[in-house]
Protein backbone atom coordinates (compact mmCIF):
# COMPACT_ATOMS: atom_id res chain seq x y z
CA MET A 1 0.00 0.00 0.00
CA ASN A 2 1.58 3.31 -1.05
CA LEU A 3 1.81 6.37 1.14
CA THR A 4 -0.72 8.38 -0.88
CA LEU A 5 -3.41 5.81 -0.12
CA ILE A 6 -2.34 5.52 3.52
CA ALA A 7 -2.43 9.30 4.01
CA PHE A 8 -5.78 9.52 2.23
CA LEU A 9 -7.30 6.77 4.39
CA PHE A 10 -5.87 8.45 7.49
CA ALA A 11 -7.56 11.73 6.54
CA ILE A 12 -10.86 9.97 5.78
CA PHE A 13 -10.87 8.08 9.08
CA LEU A 14 -9.96 11.25 10.97
CA PHE A 15 -12.78 13.10 9.21
CA ILE A 16 -15.32 10.39 10.04
CA GLY A 17 -13.98 10.07 13.58
CA MET A 18 -14.41 13.79 14.18
CA LEU A 19 -18.00 13.69 12.92
CA VAL A 20 -18.71 10.78 15.24
CA ALA A 21 -17.07 12.66 18.13
CA PHE A 22 -19.18 15.71 17.27
CA GLU A 23 -22.35 13.64 17.49
CA VAL A 24 -21.24 11.99 20.73
CA GLY A 25 -20.52 15.40 22.24
CA ARG A 26 -23.90 16.69 21.13
CA ARG A 27 -25.66 13.76 22.78
CA PHE A 28 -23.73 14.33 25.99
CA GLY A 29 -24.92 17.92 25.87
CA LEU A 30 -28.52 16.92 25.26
CA ALA A 31 -28.36 14.49 28.17
CA ARG A 32 -27.01 17.28 30.37
CA LEU A 33 -29.80 19.59 29.26
CA ALA A 34 -32.37 16.92 30.03
CA ARG A 35 -31.06 16.69 33.59
CA ASP A 36 -30.54 20.43 34.03
CA PRO A 37 -32.87 22.55 31.90
CA GLU A 38 -31.04 25.72 32.98
CA GLY A 39 -28.24 24.99 30.58
CA LEU A 40 -24.88 23.40 30.00
CA ALA A 41 -21.97 23.54 32.41
CA LYS A 42 -20.61 27.04 32.94
CA GLY A 43 -16.97 28.07 33.09
CA THR A 44 -15.76 25.55 30.52
CA GLY A 45 -14.32 28.19 28.21
CA ALA A 46 -10.84 27.92 29.70
CA ALA A 47 -10.72 24.17 29.13
CA GLU A 48 -11.99 24.50 25.56
CA GLY A 49 -9.54 27.30 24.87
CA ALA A 50 -6.66 25.16 26.13
CA VAL A 51 -7.65 22.22 23.92
CA PHE A 52 -8.15 24.27 20.77
CA GLY A 53 -5.07 26.36 21.48
CA LEU A 54 -2.94 23.22 21.82
CA LEU A 55 -4.52 21.73 18.68
CA GLY A 56 -3.68 24.87 16.71
CA LEU A 57 -0.15 24.83 18.11
CA ILE A 58 0.42 21.19 17.15
CA LEU A 59 -0.95 21.79 13.66
CA ALA A 60 1.17 24.90 13.17
CA PHE A 61 4.41 23.33 14.38
CA SER A 62 3.79 20.07 12.48
CA PHE A 63 3.04 21.90 9.25
CA SER A 64 5.94 24.33 9.69
CA GLY A 65 8.35 21.50 10.48
CA ALA A 66 7.18 19.38 7.54
CA ALA A 67 7.49 22.32 5.12
CA THR A 68 10.96 23.18 6.46
CA ARG A 69 12.18 19.61 6.07
CA PHE A 70 10.69 19.48 2.57
CA GLU A 71 12.66 22.58 1.51
CA GLU A 72 15.80 21.31 3.23
CA ARG A 73 15.69 18.01 1.34
CA ARG A 74 15.22 19.85 -1.96
CA HIS A 75 18.06 22.24 -1.15
CA LEU A 76 20.40 19.35 -0.28
CA ILE A 77 20.02 17.97 -3.82
CA THR A 78 21.32 21.26 -5.23
CA GLU A 79 24.14 21.27 -2.68
CA GLU A 80 25.16 17.77 -3.72
CA ALA A 81 25.15 18.71 -7.40
CA ASN A 82 27.34 21.72 -6.63
CA ALA A 83 29.73 19.58 -4.56
CA ILE A 84 30.06 16.96 -7.30
CA GLY A 85 30.52 19.61 -9.98
CA THR A 86 33.23 21.37 -7.98
CA ALA A 87 35.13 18.15 -7.30
CA TYR A 88 34.87 17.16 -10.97
CA LEU A 89 36.34 20.46 -12.14
CA ARG A 90 39.24 20.13 -9.73
CA LEU A 91 40.28 16.87 -11.34
CA ASP A 92 42.18 19.16 -13.72
CA LEU A 93 44.76 19.50 -10.93
CA LEU A 94 45.75 15.85 -11.35
CA PRO A 95 48.18 14.38 -13.90
CA ALA A 96 46.60 13.96 -17.34
CA ASN A 97 47.01 10.18 -17.30
CA ALA A 98 45.02 9.87 -14.03
CA GLN A 99 42.06 11.98 -15.11
CA PRO A 100 40.18 9.69 -17.57
CA GLU A 101 39.61 6.91 -15.03
CA LEU A 102 38.42 9.33 -12.35
CA ARG A 103 36.12 11.13 -14.78
CA ARG A 104 34.62 7.78 -15.73
CA LEU A 105 34.03 6.99 -12.06
CA PHE A 106 32.40 10.39 -11.59
CA ARG A 107 29.99 9.74 -14.45
CA GLU A 108 29.13 6.34 -12.99
CA TYR A 109 28.72 7.95 -9.58
CA LEU A 110 26.27 10.52 -10.94
CA ASP A 111 24.30 7.78 -12.70
CA VAL A 112 23.68 6.25 -9.29
CA ARG A 113 23.11 9.45 -7.33
CA SER A 114 20.63 10.94 -9.80
CA THR A 115 18.32 7.93 -9.46
CA ILE A 116 19.02 6.75 -5.93
CA TYR A 117 15.68 7.91 -4.48
CA LYS A 118 13.62 7.53 -7.64
CA ASN A 119 11.99 4.37 -6.25
CA SER A 120 12.47 5.01 -2.56
CA HIS A 121 9.48 2.81 -1.73
CA GLU A 122 11.61 -0.15 -2.84
CA ASP A 123 13.92 -0.58 0.16
CA THR A 124 16.05 -3.27 -1.46
CA ALA A 125 16.79 -1.19 -4.55
CA THR A 126 17.57 1.89 -2.46
CA ARG A 127 19.95 -0.03 -0.18
CA SER A 128 21.68 -1.50 -3.22
CA LYS A 129 22.26 1.97 -4.66
CA LEU A 130 23.53 3.25 -1.32
CA GLN A 131 26.04 0.39 -1.25
CA ALA A 132 27.06 1.22 -4.83
CA THR A 133 27.48 4.84 -3.76
CA ALA A 134 29.80 3.88 -0.89
CA LYS A 135 31.92 1.66 -3.16
CA LEU A 136 32.30 4.36 -5.80
CA GLN A 137 33.17 6.92 -3.15
CA ALA A 138 35.93 4.67 -1.83
CA ASP A 139 37.32 4.08 -5.35
CA ILE A 140 37.24 7.77 -6.22
CA TRP A 141 38.89 8.76 -2.95
CA GLN A 142 41.68 6.19 -3.18
CA LYS A 143 42.51 7.00 -6.79
CA ALA A 144 42.34 10.75 -6.18
CA VAL A 145 44.65 10.56 -3.16
CA ALA A 146 47.19 8.49 -5.09
CA ALA A 147 47.01 10.75 -8.14
CA SER A 148 47.32 13.96 -6.11
CA ARG A 149 50.63 12.71 -4.68
CA SER A 150 52.09 11.51 -7.97
CA ASP A 151 54.47 13.36 -10.26
CA GLY A 152 52.74 15.86 -12.49
CA ALA A 153 50.00 16.74 -10.01
CA SER A 154 49.49 20.37 -9.12
CA ALA A 155 50.92 21.49 -5.81
CA ASP A 156 47.42 22.54 -4.80
CA ALA A 157 45.77 19.21 -5.67
CA THR A 158 45.67 17.92 -2.11
CA LYS A 159 44.54 21.31 -0.78
CA LEU A 160 41.70 21.82 -3.25
CA LEU A 161 40.61 18.46 -4.64
CA LEU A 162 40.55 16.34 -1.49
CA PRO A 163 38.40 18.77 0.57
CA ALA A 164 35.97 18.98 -2.37
CA LEU A 165 35.77 15.18 -2.49
CA ASN A 166 35.26 15.07 1.26
CA GLN A 167 32.33 17.47 0.96
CA MET A 168 30.89 15.44 -1.90
CA ILE A 169 31.02 12.29 0.25
CA ASP A 170 29.74 13.90 3.44
CA ILE A 171 26.61 15.32 1.85
CA THR A 172 25.38 11.82 0.96
CA THR A 173 25.18 11.04 4.67
CA THR A 174 23.41 14.34 5.25
CA ARG A 175 20.82 13.45 2.61
CA VAL A 176 20.21 10.01 4.10
CA THR A 177 19.74 11.55 7.55
CA ALA A 178 17.38 14.21 6.16
CA THR A 179 15.32 11.52 4.42
CA GLU A 180 14.87 9.63 7.69
CA ASN A 181 14.20 12.73 9.79
CA HIS A 182 10.54 12.73 10.89
CA PRO A 183 8.63 13.77 14.03
CA PRO A 184 8.04 11.10 16.70
CA ASN A 185 4.85 9.09 16.21
CA ILE A 186 3.51 10.50 19.46
CA VAL A 187 3.06 13.85 17.68
CA TYR A 188 0.60 12.28 15.23
CA VAL A 189 -1.17 10.46 18.07
CA LEU A 190 -1.50 13.76 19.93
CA LEU A 191 -2.80 15.47 16.78
CA VAL A 192 -5.50 12.83 16.30
CA GLY A 193 -6.43 12.83 19.98
CA LEU A 194 -6.76 16.61 20.18
CA SER A 195 -8.79 16.66 16.95
CA LEU A 196 -11.29 14.15 18.33
CA ILE A 197 -11.51 15.91 21.69
CA GLY A 198 -12.01 19.23 19.91
CA ALA A 199 -14.85 17.79 17.83
CA LEU A 200 -16.39 16.35 21.01
CA LEU A 201 -16.32 19.78 22.67
CA VAL A 202 -17.79 21.46 19.59
CA GLY A 203 -20.68 18.98 19.56
CA TYR A 204 -21.23 19.46 23.29
CA ALA A 205 -21.30 23.25 23.02
CA MET A 206 -23.71 23.17 20.04
CA SER A 207 -26.18 20.85 21.74
CA ALA A 208 -28.05 23.89 23.01
CA ASN A 209 -29.22 24.53 19.45
CA LYS A 210 -32.46 22.98 18.29
CA GLY A 211 -30.90 21.14 15.36
CA ARG A 212 -27.51 19.90 14.24
CA SER A 213 -25.26 22.36 12.43
CA TRP A 214 -23.67 19.95 9.98
CA LEU A 215 -22.08 22.81 8.04
CA HIS A 216 -19.90 23.82 10.99
CA ALA A 217 -19.17 20.25 12.03
CA THR A 218 -18.26 19.15 8.50
CA ALA A 219 -16.15 22.23 7.81
CA PHE A 220 -14.26 21.81 11.09
CA ALA A 221 -13.58 18.11 10.44
CA ALA A 222 -12.65 18.70 6.78
CA VAL A 223 -10.15 21.47 7.54
CA ILE A 224 -8.37 19.49 10.27
CA SER A 225 -8.30 16.32 8.15
CA LEU A 226 -6.98 18.14 5.08
CA ALA A 227 -4.26 19.86 7.10
CA SER A 228 -3.22 16.50 8.60
CA TYR A 229 -3.09 14.93 5.13
CA VAL A 230 -0.84 17.70 3.80
CA ILE A 231 1.49 17.38 6.79
CA ILE A 232 1.97 13.64 6.19
CA ASP A 233 2.45 14.18 2.45
CA LEU A 234 5.12 16.83 3.06
CA GLU A 235 6.95 14.53 5.47
CA PHE A 236 7.42 11.89 2.75
CA PRO A 237 8.14 13.88 -0.44
CA ARG A 238 9.22 10.81 -2.42
CA LEU A 239 6.08 8.78 -1.78
CA GLY A 240 3.01 11.02 -1.80
CA LEU A 241 1.41 13.58 -4.08
CA ILE A 242 3.72 16.42 -3.00
CA ARG A 243 7.09 15.36 -4.41
CA ILE A 244 10.62 16.68 -4.85
CA ASP A 245 11.47 14.40 -7.76
CA ALA A 246 11.73 17.45 -10.03
CA ALA A 247 14.69 18.65 -7.94
CA ASP A 248 16.70 15.64 -9.19
CA LYS A 249 16.86 17.38 -12.57
CA VAL A 250 19.89 19.35 -11.39
CA LEU A 251 21.81 16.05 -10.95
CA VAL A 252 20.54 14.74 -14.30
CA ASP A 253 21.62 17.95 -16.05
CA LEU A 254 25.04 17.76 -14.41
CA ARG A 255 25.44 14.18 -15.60
CA LYS A 256 24.61 15.23 -19.18
CA SER A 257 27.17 18.00 -19.02
CA LEU A 258 29.92 15.45 -18.23
CA ASP A 259 29.47 13.55 -21.51
């Protein structure tokens, strides 16, 4: 089951759950009115304000965090392309006879990196490409170190090329960490719990009306459910409807420029 379907089902169940909670709250209110015709409990505004304030805070921080991580992951792709491009240009500092093999390895490296997260839902394929990345990094590093110390290499080869290669290698770890960086599951549990409690309180407060206000109940449930769906989709930009696949074009274009 892909993430788009999971997120969609999550939003639907949250929407239905909030409508059910709204109805349960309304019936609690009606039962209270039947026992006490003078009205519902007084002085509950502070409790309701705390619940809705916390719900708004959780939604705001979850959405802000998801959007920030989305932009960070997209920015890291550009950073990696820049790091690879810089290291590739600095191969000119090496002896002419050492450059062809390293340039070939760079092209092979870019072939892997530009497609490494294309099918991120396939864990086996992704792990295989990560292993291929590590092997190519080791080969490039070893050959570059040897070439930078050989006769004919520029005196600045070790000062300029090796730090560029180090940055190129380090950013792959940064990208893996960014891909796996998500809020704790308890945040989503809290979001669902507060949403249901909020719907319960809305239904309870509206029980004083003669009829149900389905417009308000439906709008409230729909807005919260839609916001939750977008948050989940942003958290997994390789699996849902909101994707960063287009950002990989910078790596693809760089690979074409090396031919």
